[in-house]
Amino acid sequence: MSTTEPRWVRYTLVGLALAFMGLFLLLPLLAVFTEALRKGLDAYWVALQEPDAWAAIRLTLLTALIAVPLNLVFGVAAAWAIAKFEFRGKSLLITLIDLPFSVSPVVAGLIYVLVFGAQGWFGPWLQAHDIKVIFAVPGIVLATVFVTFPFIARELIPLMQAQGSDEEQAAIVLGASGWQTFWYVTLPNIKWGLIYGLILCNARAMGEFGAVSVVSGHIRGQTNTMPLHVEILYNEYQSVAAFAVASLLALLALVTLAIKSIVEWQQSREREATASLPPEKPMARAQPGHATSPT
C-alpha cells in the first residue's frame, strides 16, 4: 500500500532514522573496535590472553550457563501455569515476574547483600557453615538470575494465551500423559518464542553490570565478569585492554542479533508456508440411505 506523503517527506524520515542508527549504534560500535585495535593485533591478543581477562570470560560464560537453564525451567513452567490454568495468586505471580523490569539492578544487588551479606539476615548462619554467597560466584549467579528471569516467561505468556489449550485437552482426551502432551503438543507450538526468549535472556546474562557489580566485590581474577573487568581496566587507564574485552562483548551482541534475525526469518518462512497450504476439505457426509464408496 503506497503512502500519500510527498517523496521528500519519506526520504527525510528515512534519512533521519538512518542518521540516528549511525550516530547511536554504528558509530559507538565502530569506536569500540577501532580503540581495541589501535595498537595493533599483538596488543589486542595480549590483552585478551591476560589471566584476569580469561578469568572474567570464564566467569561470564559460567554464569550464563547456570542462569539461562534455570530461567528456562522457570519461564516455561510459569508461562504454562499462567496461560493454561486459573488459580489464586495468578495476578501476584505475573507481578513478581515483571518485578525485575521495575526495580533497578543496583537495588536488586543491595537486596541480596541485605539478605546474604555478613551483616544480613542469613549472614551469621552462612558464616557458621562456611558458605559464601556475597562476593562469590553464587551471589553473581543469583543476581543474574533475578534480572533475567522475566525474559523467557514474558515471551511465552502471550504466545501460549493466544494458542489456547484446545490441542492439549484433545491430546489428554486421546490418552496422552502430561509429559507427552508437553513434548509433542505444547513445545512444538512455542519453539520459536522459546528460542527468542533464550536469546534475549542469554544476552542480558552476559552483559549484566549493575546487580553483579554490587554482589561481586570486584575481586580480580575471581568475581569479575567481563563488564566489570572492562570497568576496572578503563579506570586504570588501560584503554586498549578495556576496549579489547569490550569488543568481545560487542561481538557477542552482534552474534545474538544475527541469531535473533535468523530465528525471526525462519519463523516468518514457517508462517508463510503454513498460510500457503490449501485448506482441508471437509469430509463428505453420508446421506441417509446411501452408502459412501471407499476411496
Protein backbone atom coordinates (compact mmCIF):
# COMPACT_ATOMS: atom_id res chain seq x y z
CA MET A 1 0.00 0.00 0.00
CA SER A 2 1.55 3.30 -1.06
CA THR A 3 1.62 6.29 1.25
CA THR A 4 0.21 9.71 0.47
CA GLU A 5 3.16 11.69 1.84
CA PRO A 6 5.39 13.51 -0.64
CA ARG A 7 8.59 11.80 -1.65
CA TRP A 8 10.78 14.33 0.14
CA VAL A 9 8.98 13.64 3.43
CA ARG A 10 9.62 9.90 3.12
CA TYR A 11 13.26 10.41 2.21
CA THR A 12 13.71 12.84 5.10
CA LEU A 13 12.23 10.41 7.63
CA VAL A 14 14.32 7.52 6.31
CA GLY A 15 17.42 9.69 6.37
CA LEU A 16 16.77 10.75 9.96
CA ALA A 17 16.27 7.13 11.00
CA LEU A 18 19.50 6.06 9.31
CA ALA A 19 21.38 9.01 10.82
CA PHE A 20 20.05 8.12 14.28
CA MET A 21 21.14 4.49 13.89
CA GLY A 22 24.54 5.51 12.61
CA LEU A 23 25.13 8.02 15.41
CA PHE A 24 23.91 5.99 18.36
CA LEU A 25 24.52 2.40 17.20
CA LEU A 26 27.08 2.04 14.43
CA LEU A 27 29.45 4.82 15.48
CA PRO A 28 29.91 3.56 19.09
CA LEU A 29 30.36 0.01 17.79
CA LEU A 30 32.98 1.20 15.30
CA ALA A 31 34.72 3.18 18.06
CA VAL A 32 34.98 0.08 20.26
CA PHE A 33 36.76 -1.98 17.59
CA THR A 34 38.90 0.96 16.49
CA GLU A 35 40.16 1.60 20.02
CA ALA A 36 40.67 -2.11 20.66
CA LEU A 37 42.93 -2.42 17.58
CA ARG A 38 44.58 0.98 17.95
CA LYS A 39 47.95 -0.56 18.93
CA GLY A 40 47.72 -3.49 16.57
CA LEU A 41 46.67 -7.11 16.76
CA ASP A 42 49.57 -8.07 19.02
CA ALA A 43 48.44 -5.72 21.80
CA TYR A 44 44.86 -6.88 21.24
CA TRP A 45 45.72 -10.57 21.73
CA VAL A 46 47.96 -9.82 24.70
CA ALA A 47 45.08 -8.02 26.42
CA LEU A 48 42.74 -10.96 25.82
CA GLN A 49 45.30 -13.54 26.97
CA GLU A 50 45.83 -11.86 30.33
CA PRO A 51 44.90 -14.25 33.20
CA ASP A 52 42.41 -11.78 34.71
CA ALA A 53 40.71 -11.35 31.34
CA TRP A 54 40.43 -15.13 30.89
CA ALA A 55 39.03 -15.44 34.41
CA ALA A 56 36.41 -12.78 33.60
CA ILE A 57 35.46 -14.55 30.36
CA ARG A 58 35.15 -17.92 32.10
CA LEU A 59 33.04 -16.47 34.90
CA THR A 60 30.74 -14.71 32.43
CA LEU A 61 30.18 -17.92 30.46
CA LEU A 62 29.72 -19.96 33.65
CA THR A 63 27.15 -17.51 34.97
CA ALA A 64 25.21 -17.62 31.71
CA LEU A 65 25.39 -21.43 31.58
CA ILE A 66 23.80 -21.61 35.04
CA ALA A 67 21.34 -18.71 34.86
CA VAL A 68 19.85 -19.39 31.42
CA PRO A 69 18.78 -23.04 32.07
CA LEU A 70 17.29 -22.01 35.43
CA ASN A 71 15.32 -19.27 33.72
CA LEU A 72 14.32 -21.73 31.00
CA VAL A 73 12.71 -24.07 33.53
CA PHE A 74 11.07 -21.25 35.48
CA GLY A 75 9.91 -19.37 32.38
CA VAL A 76 8.26 -22.37 30.72
CA ALA A 77 6.61 -23.51 33.98
CA ALA A 78 5.36 -20.01 34.85
CA ALA A 79 4.07 -19.36 31.33
CA TRP A 80 2.30 -22.72 31.22
CA ALA A 81 0.66 -22.15 34.61
CA ILE A 82 -0.44 -18.59 33.79
CA ALA A 83 -1.65 -19.27 30.24
CA LYS A 84 -3.33 -22.65 30.76
CA PHE A 85 -4.79 -22.54 34.29
CA GLU A 86 -6.79 -20.33 36.62
CA PHE A 87 -5.65 -20.24 40.25
CA ARG A 88 -5.41 -17.95 43.25
CA GLY A 89 -2.42 -15.66 43.19
CA LYS A 90 -2.16 -15.62 39.41
CA SER A 91 -2.03 -11.82 39.24
CA LEU A 92 0.56 -11.81 42.02
CA LEU A 93 2.74 -14.24 40.07
CA ILE A 94 2.53 -12.02 36.97
CA THR A 95 3.51 -9.01 39.09
CA LEU A 96 6.51 -10.86 40.53
CA ILE A 97 7.63 -11.85 37.03
CA ASP A 98 7.56 -8.18 36.00
CA LEU A 99 9.37 -7.04 39.16
CA PRO A 100 12.93 -7.02 37.69
CA PHE A 101 11.70 -4.67 34.94
CA SER A 102 10.66 -2.08 37.53
CA VAL A 103 13.45 -2.48 40.10
CA SER A 104 16.91 -1.08 39.45
CA PRO A 105 19.56 -3.81 39.15
CA VAL A 106 21.64 -1.96 41.74
CA VAL A 107 18.73 -2.13 44.20
CA ALA A 108 18.39 -5.84 43.46
CA GLY A 109 22.07 -6.32 44.29
CA LEU A 110 21.67 -4.41 47.54
CA ILE A 111 18.73 -6.65 48.47
CA TYR A 112 20.94 -9.72 48.08
CA VAL A 113 23.61 -8.07 50.23
CA LEU A 114 20.96 -7.36 52.87
CA VAL A 115 19.81 -10.98 52.84
CA PHE A 116 23.07 -12.91 52.36
CA GLY A 117 25.76 -10.43 53.43
CA ALA A 118 27.91 -10.74 56.54
CA GLN A 119 25.54 -8.47 58.45
CA GLY A 120 22.44 -9.69 56.61
CA TRP A 121 19.56 -11.87 57.69
CA PHE A 122 21.30 -15.16 56.87
CA GLY A 123 24.86 -13.87 57.18
CA PRO A 124 25.73 -15.39 60.59
CA TRP A 125 24.32 -18.79 59.60
CA LEU A 126 26.21 -18.77 56.31
CA GLN A 127 29.45 -17.83 58.06
CA ALA A 128 28.96 -20.56 60.65
CA HIS A 129 28.63 -23.14 57.86
CA ASP A 130 31.45 -21.60 55.76
CA ILE A 131 29.14 -20.79 52.84
CA LYS A 132 29.96 -17.76 50.72
CA VAL A 133 27.24 -16.11 48.67
CA ILE A 134 28.09 -12.43 48.52
CA PHE A 135 31.47 -11.61 46.92
CA ALA A 136 31.46 -15.10 45.40
CA VAL A 137 30.10 -16.93 42.37
CA PRO A 138 26.74 -17.92 43.99
CA GLY A 139 25.87 -14.26 44.58
CA ILE A 140 26.72 -13.37 40.99
CA VAL A 141 24.53 -16.21 39.71
CA LEU A 142 21.63 -15.24 41.98
CA ALA A 143 21.80 -11.59 40.88
CA THR A 144 21.95 -12.62 37.22
CA VAL A 145 19.00 -14.99 37.58
CA PHE A 146 16.95 -12.21 39.19
CA VAL A 147 17.50 -9.64 36.44
CA THR A 148 16.98 -12.15 33.60
CA PHE A 149 14.11 -14.39 34.67
CA PRO A 150 11.28 -12.29 33.11
CA PHE A 151 12.56 -12.64 29.54
CA ILE A 152 11.52 -16.21 28.75
CA ALA A 153 8.27 -16.10 30.72
CA ARG A 154 7.21 -12.77 29.22
CA GLU A 155 7.94 -14.06 25.71
CA LEU A 156 5.88 -17.21 26.18
CA ILE A 157 2.86 -15.99 28.19
CA PRO A 158 1.10 -14.04 25.39
CA LEU A 159 2.01 -16.72 22.84
CA MET A 160 0.53 -19.54 24.92
CA GLN A 161 -2.54 -17.47 25.80
CA ALA A 162 -3.20 -16.81 22.12
CA GLN A 163 -2.87 -20.52 21.28
CA GLY A 164 -5.31 -21.60 23.96
CA SER A 165 -5.47 -25.09 25.44
CA ASP A 166 -7.69 -26.93 22.94
CA GLU A 167 -4.85 -29.02 21.49
CA GLU A 168 -3.56 -30.02 24.94
CA GLN A 169 -7.04 -31.03 26.06
CA ALA A 170 -7.53 -33.07 22.88
CA ALA A 171 -4.22 -34.88 23.46
CA ILE A 172 -5.18 -35.70 27.05
CA VAL A 173 -8.59 -36.98 25.95
CA LEU A 174 -6.82 -39.25 23.46
CA GLY A 175 -4.77 -40.75 26.27
CA ALA A 176 -1.54 -38.73 26.27
CA SER A 177 0.19 -38.16 29.58
CA GLY A 178 1.20 -34.74 30.85
CA TRP A 179 4.80 -35.07 29.65
CA GLN A 180 3.71 -36.44 26.27
CA THR A 181 1.34 -33.51 25.85
CA PHE A 182 4.12 -31.07 26.67
CA TRP A 183 6.77 -32.64 24.39
CA TYR A 184 4.58 -33.37 21.38
CA VAL A 185 1.95 -30.61 21.52
CA THR A 186 2.97 -27.62 23.65
CA LEU A 187 6.69 -27.47 22.91
CA PRO A 188 6.42 -27.54 19.08
CA ASN A 189 3.88 -24.70 19.25
CA ILE A 190 6.11 -22.44 21.37
CA LYS A 191 9.53 -23.34 19.97
CA TRP A 192 10.18 -20.04 18.18
CA GLY A 193 9.06 -17.91 21.11
CA LEU A 194 11.16 -20.07 23.43
CA ILE A 195 14.27 -19.68 21.28
CA TYR A 196 13.70 -15.93 21.06
CA GLY A 197 13.37 -15.68 24.86
CA LEU A 198 16.52 -17.75 25.36
CA ILE A 199 18.48 -15.41 23.08
CA LEU A 200 17.37 -12.32 24.99
CA CYS A 201 17.97 -13.98 28.36
CA ASN A 202 21.49 -15.08 27.40
CA ALA A 203 22.38 -11.62 26.06
CA ARG A 204 21.26 -9.94 29.29
CA ALA A 205 23.02 -12.54 31.45
CA MET A 206 26.39 -11.94 29.79
CA GLY A 207 26.04 -8.16 29.74
CA GLU A 208 24.61 -7.53 33.21
CA PHE A 209 26.53 -4.92 35.19
CA GLY A 210 24.55 -3.20 37.97
CA ALA A 211 23.39 -6.09 40.17
CA VAL A 212 26.57 -8.10 39.61
CA SER A 213 28.72 -5.08 40.46
CA VAL A 214 27.11 -4.83 43.91
CA VAL A 215 27.41 -8.51 44.89
CA SER A 216 30.75 -9.35 43.26
CA GLY A 217 33.18 -7.35 45.38
CA HIS A 218 35.32 -6.65 42.26
CA ILE A 219 37.91 -9.29 43.18
CA ARG A 220 40.24 -9.52 40.20
CA GLY A 221 40.58 -12.98 38.77
CA GLN A 222 37.76 -14.33 40.94
CA THR A 223 34.49 -12.38 40.89
CA ASN A 224 34.87 -10.02 37.95
CA THR A 225 32.70 -10.70 34.93
CA MET A 226 33.57 -9.19 31.57
CA PRO A 227 31.62 -5.93 32.08
CA LEU A 228 33.23 -5.44 35.50
CA HIS A 229 36.68 -6.22 34.11
CA VAL A 230 36.18 -3.59 31.39
CA GLU A 231 35.32 -1.00 34.03
CA ILE A 232 38.42 -1.79 36.11
CA LEU A 233 40.74 -1.64 33.12
CA TYR A 234 39.27 1.64 31.93
CA ASN A 235 39.56 3.19 35.40
CA GLU A 236 43.23 2.14 35.43
CA TYR A 237 43.74 3.91 32.07
CA GLN A 238 44.39 0.63 30.25
CA SER A 239 42.16 1.71 27.39
CA VAL A 240 43.40 -0.79 24.78
CA ALA A 241 42.86 -3.75 27.13
CA ALA A 242 39.47 -2.37 28.20
CA PHE A 243 38.27 -1.95 24.63
CA ALA A 244 39.67 -5.37 23.68
CA VAL A 245 37.48 -7.08 26.28
CA ALA A 246 34.60 -4.76 25.36
CA SER A 247 34.97 -5.85 21.74
CA LEU A 248 34.25 -9.44 22.82
CA LEU A 249 31.02 -8.27 24.42
CA ALA A 250 30.22 -6.37 21.23
CA LEU A 251 30.87 -9.50 19.16
CA LEU A 252 28.58 -11.49 21.45
CA ALA A 253 25.92 -8.83 20.94
CA LEU A 254 26.33 -9.00 17.16
CA VAL A 255 26.12 -12.79 17.21
CA THR A 256 22.99 -12.52 19.35
CA LEU A 257 21.42 -10.11 16.87
CA ALA A 258 22.34 -12.40 13.98
CA ILE A 259 20.78 -15.43 15.67
CA LYS A 260 17.71 -13.37 16.53
CA SER A 261 17.34 -12.29 12.90
CA ILE A 262 17.73 -15.88 11.69
CA VAL A 263 15.07 -17.06 14.16
CA GLU A 264 12.66 -14.32 13.07
CA TRP A 265 13.32 -15.12 9.38
CA GLN A 266 12.79 -18.83 9.93
CA GLN A 267 9.61 -18.16 11.89
CA SER A 268 8.33 -15.91 9.09
CA ARG A 269 9.07 -18.60 6.49
CA GLU A 270 7.23 -21.20 8.54
CA ARG A 271 4.20 -18.92 8.86
CA GLU A 272 4.18 -18.24 5.12
CA ALA A 273 4.46 -21.95 4.36
CA THR A 274 1.59 -22.70 6.72
CA ALA A 275 -0.55 -19.93 5.22
CA SER A 276 0.10 -21.18 1.67
CA LEU A 277 -1.20 -24.67 2.40
CA PRO A 278 -4.61 -25.36 0.81
CA PRO A 279 -7.47 -25.58 3.29
CA GLU A 280 -8.51 -29.05 4.25
CA LYS A 281 -11.63 -30.24 2.54
CA PRO A 282 -14.40 -31.27 4.91
CA MET A 283 -15.31 -34.92 4.82
CA ALA A 284 -18.46 -35.66 2.84
CA ARG A 285 -21.33 -36.76 4.97
CA ALA A 286 -23.19 -39.91 4.01
CA GLN A 287 -26.79 -39.22 3.14
CA PRO A 288 -29.40 -41.36 4.87
CA GLY A 289 -30.00 -44.49 2.91
CA HIS A 290 -26.90 -44.04 0.70
CA ALA A 291 -23.57 -45.72 1.31
CA THR A 292 -20.36 -43.87 0.56
CA SER A 293 -17.90 -45.69 -1.63
CA PRO A 294 -14.45 -46.24 -0.08
CA THR A 295 -11.53 -44.35 -1.61
